Protein backbone atom coordinates (compact mmCIF):
# COMPACT_ATOMS: atom_id res chain seq x y z
CA MET A 1 13.68 17.74 8.48
CA SER A 2 15.54 17.79 11.79
CA ASP A 3 15.35 21.61 11.75
CA TRP A 4 11.53 21.58 11.68
CA ASN A 5 10.00 22.90 14.88
CA PRO A 6 6.19 22.78 15.17
CA LYS A 7 6.24 25.66 17.65
CA ASP A 8 8.07 27.95 15.23
CA PRO A 9 5.45 30.18 13.55
CA GLU A 10 7.76 30.48 10.53
CA ALA A 11 8.07 26.70 10.07
CA LEU A 12 6.29 25.33 7.01
CA THR A 13 3.79 23.01 8.66
CA THR A 14 1.01 20.81 7.33
CA ARG A 15 -1.86 20.16 9.72
CA TYR A 16 -4.22 17.19 9.69
CA ASP A 17 -7.47 17.30 11.66
CA LEU A 18 -7.84 13.80 13.08
CA ALA A 19 -10.62 14.62 15.57
CA ASP A 20 -12.84 11.97 13.97
CA TRP A 21 -10.17 9.32 14.52
CA SER A 22 -10.23 7.27 17.72
CA VAL A 23 -7.42 7.50 20.25
CA ASP A 24 -6.25 4.05 19.13
CA ASP A 25 -6.20 5.14 15.50
CA ARG A 26 -4.19 8.25 16.34
CA ALA A 27 -1.79 6.10 18.35
CA ASP A 28 -1.37 3.94 15.22
CA VAL A 29 -0.58 7.12 13.26
CA ALA A 30 2.03 8.19 15.81
CA ALA A 31 3.62 4.73 15.72
CA ALA A 32 3.69 4.65 11.91
CA LEU A 33 5.24 8.12 11.75
CA ALA A 34 7.85 7.15 14.31
CA ASP A 35 8.66 3.97 12.35
CA ALA A 36 9.05 6.09 9.21
CA GLU A 37 11.21 8.56 11.18
CA ILE A 38 8.91 11.45 10.28
CA ALA A 39 9.07 14.33 12.74
CA HIS A 40 5.60 15.20 14.00
CA SER A 41 3.74 16.81 16.85
CA TRP A 42 0.18 16.95 18.15
CA ASN A 43 -2.02 19.86 19.07
CA GLY A 44 -4.92 18.03 20.67
CA SER A 45 -6.26 15.82 17.88
CA GLU A 46 -4.50 17.82 15.17
CA LEU A 47 -1.40 16.23 13.64
CA LEU A 48 1.41 18.59 12.66
CA VAL A 49 4.21 17.62 10.27
CA ALA A 50 6.83 19.44 8.26
CA GLN A 51 5.43 20.50 4.91
CA ASP A 52 8.16 18.59 3.07
CA SER A 53 6.86 15.36 4.71
CA GLU A 54 3.31 15.85 3.49
CA GLU A 55 3.45 13.32 0.65
CA SER A 56 4.82 10.58 2.91
CA VAL A 57 2.31 11.37 5.66
CA ASP A 58 -0.56 11.33 3.16
CA ALA A 59 0.50 7.83 2.08
CA ILE A 60 0.73 6.63 5.69
CA LEU A 61 -2.68 8.08 6.58
CA ASP A 62 -4.24 6.56 3.45
CA GLU A 63 -2.80 3.16 4.37
CA ILE A 64 -4.12 3.39 7.93
CA GLU A 65 -7.53 4.53 6.68
CA ASP A 66 -7.66 1.54 4.32
CA GLU A 67 -6.88 -0.77 7.24
CA LEU A 68 -9.57 0.91 9.35
CA ASP A 69 -12.11 0.55 6.56
CA SER A 70 -11.25 -3.15 6.27
CA ARG A 71 -11.62 -3.59 10.03
CA ASP A 72 -14.93 -1.70 10.05
CA ASP A 73 -16.29 -3.92 7.28
CA SER A 74 -15.39 -7.08 9.22
CA ASP A 75 -16.36 -5.75 12.67
CA ASP A 76 -19.77 -4.18 12.08
CA ASP A 77 -20.96 -5.42 15.49
CA ASP A 78 -18.03 -3.79 17.32
CA ASN A 79 -18.94 -0.93 19.65
CA GLU A 80 -16.62 1.56 17.98
CA GLY A 81 -13.45 0.40 19.75
CA GLU A 82 -14.50 1.80 23.13
CA ASP A 83 -13.43 -1.49 24.75
CA ASN A 84 -9.84 -0.52 23.92
CA ILE A 85 -9.97 2.70 25.95
CA THR A 86 -8.84 3.41 29.49
CA GLU A 87 -10.61 6.30 31.20
CA TYR A 88 -9.26 8.61 33.90
CA GLU A 89 -11.67 10.96 35.68
CA LEU A 90 -9.80 14.21 36.32
CA ASP A 91 -12.65 16.46 37.42
CA GLU A 92 -10.75 17.66 40.51
CA TRP A 93 -7.77 18.75 38.42
CA SER A 94 -7.26 22.37 37.51
CA GLU A 95 -7.14 23.51 33.90
CA ALA A 96 -3.39 24.12 34.31
CA GLU A 97 -2.82 20.54 35.52
CA ARG A 98 -4.79 19.12 32.59
CA LYS A 99 -2.79 21.33 30.19
CA GLN A 100 0.46 20.08 31.73
CA LEU A 101 -0.73 16.49 31.26
CA CYS A 102 -1.61 17.21 27.59
CA ASP A 103 1.87 18.61 27.04
CA MET A 104 3.43 15.49 28.57
CA LEU A 105 1.29 13.12 26.49
CA ASP A 106 2.02 15.13 23.32
CA ASN A 107 5.75 14.94 23.99
CA LEU A 108 5.47 11.18 24.49
CA ASP A 109 3.38 10.81 21.30
CA ILE A 110 0.56 9.16 23.24
CA GLY A 111 -2.80 9.56 21.58
CA TYR A 112 -5.60 10.77 23.83
CA ARG A 113 -8.84 12.67 23.86
CA TRP A 114 -11.04 14.37 26.41
CA ASP A 115 -14.68 13.74 27.19
CA GLY A 116 -15.35 16.67 29.48
CA THR A 117 -12.87 16.12 32.31
CA MET A 118 -12.42 12.42 31.52
CA LEU A 119 -9.12 11.53 29.85
CA LEU A 120 -9.39 8.68 27.33
CA VAL A 121 -6.24 6.81 26.29
CA PRO A 122 -5.64 3.56 24.41
CA ILE A 123 -5.19 0.39 26.42
CA GLY A 124 -1.52 -0.48 26.78
CA VAL A 125 -0.20 2.95 27.75
CA GLU A 126 -1.62 3.01 31.29
CA ALA A 127 1.77 2.66 33.02
CA ILE A 128 3.13 5.67 31.15
CA VAL A 129 -0.01 7.72 31.74
CA ASP A 130 -0.03 6.74 35.42
CA SER A 131 3.56 7.99 35.73
CA CYS A 132 2.59 11.28 34.11
CA LEU A 133 -0.39 11.64 36.44
CA ASP A 134 1.75 10.85 39.49
CA SER A 135 4.37 13.38 38.48
CA ILE A 136 1.75 16.14 38.28
CA ASP A 137 -0.45 15.35 41.25
CA SER A 138 -0.69 12.65 43.88
CA ARG A 139 -4.24 13.51 45.04
CA GLY A 140 -5.49 10.29 43.54
CA VAL A 141 -7.21 9.75 40.24
CA THR A 142 -10.36 7.71 39.91
CA PHE A 143 -9.96 4.88 37.39
CA VAL A 144 -13.22 4.13 35.60
CA ASP A 145 -13.62 0.53 34.46
CA ASP A 146 -16.72 0.06 32.31
CA ASN A 147 -16.04 -3.65 31.88
CA ASN A 148 -17.33 -4.56 35.35
């Protein structure tokens, strides 16, 4: 498994489309895979794992989905977890800068998604994301706080 490289076109890779999963849910997936010591990578919201890890990953994803279903049943009045999201408006950033940020977040296994030019990340990773943003550009990023 240590020889698996997601960027190698010859590597036997299984891909999971997790676009329908929230950033928090994908962060839970990354944490569970790290705990299980399963090598993985992200291409946007697509999870990539070595094909020989597929059975283990399926079990982990099934377990997380079961937990999510249980939470959804008990939290019907919840507003889809959006309260657990930190937003960064990056409309003044170039496409290359946003790509560089995606690469950094992927390497750090931080779940994220884009809403236009707004970066959405789970609460709790702000310090890491802020460091990434600072290392790319110091023009200043507008923090959007919907809770005020």
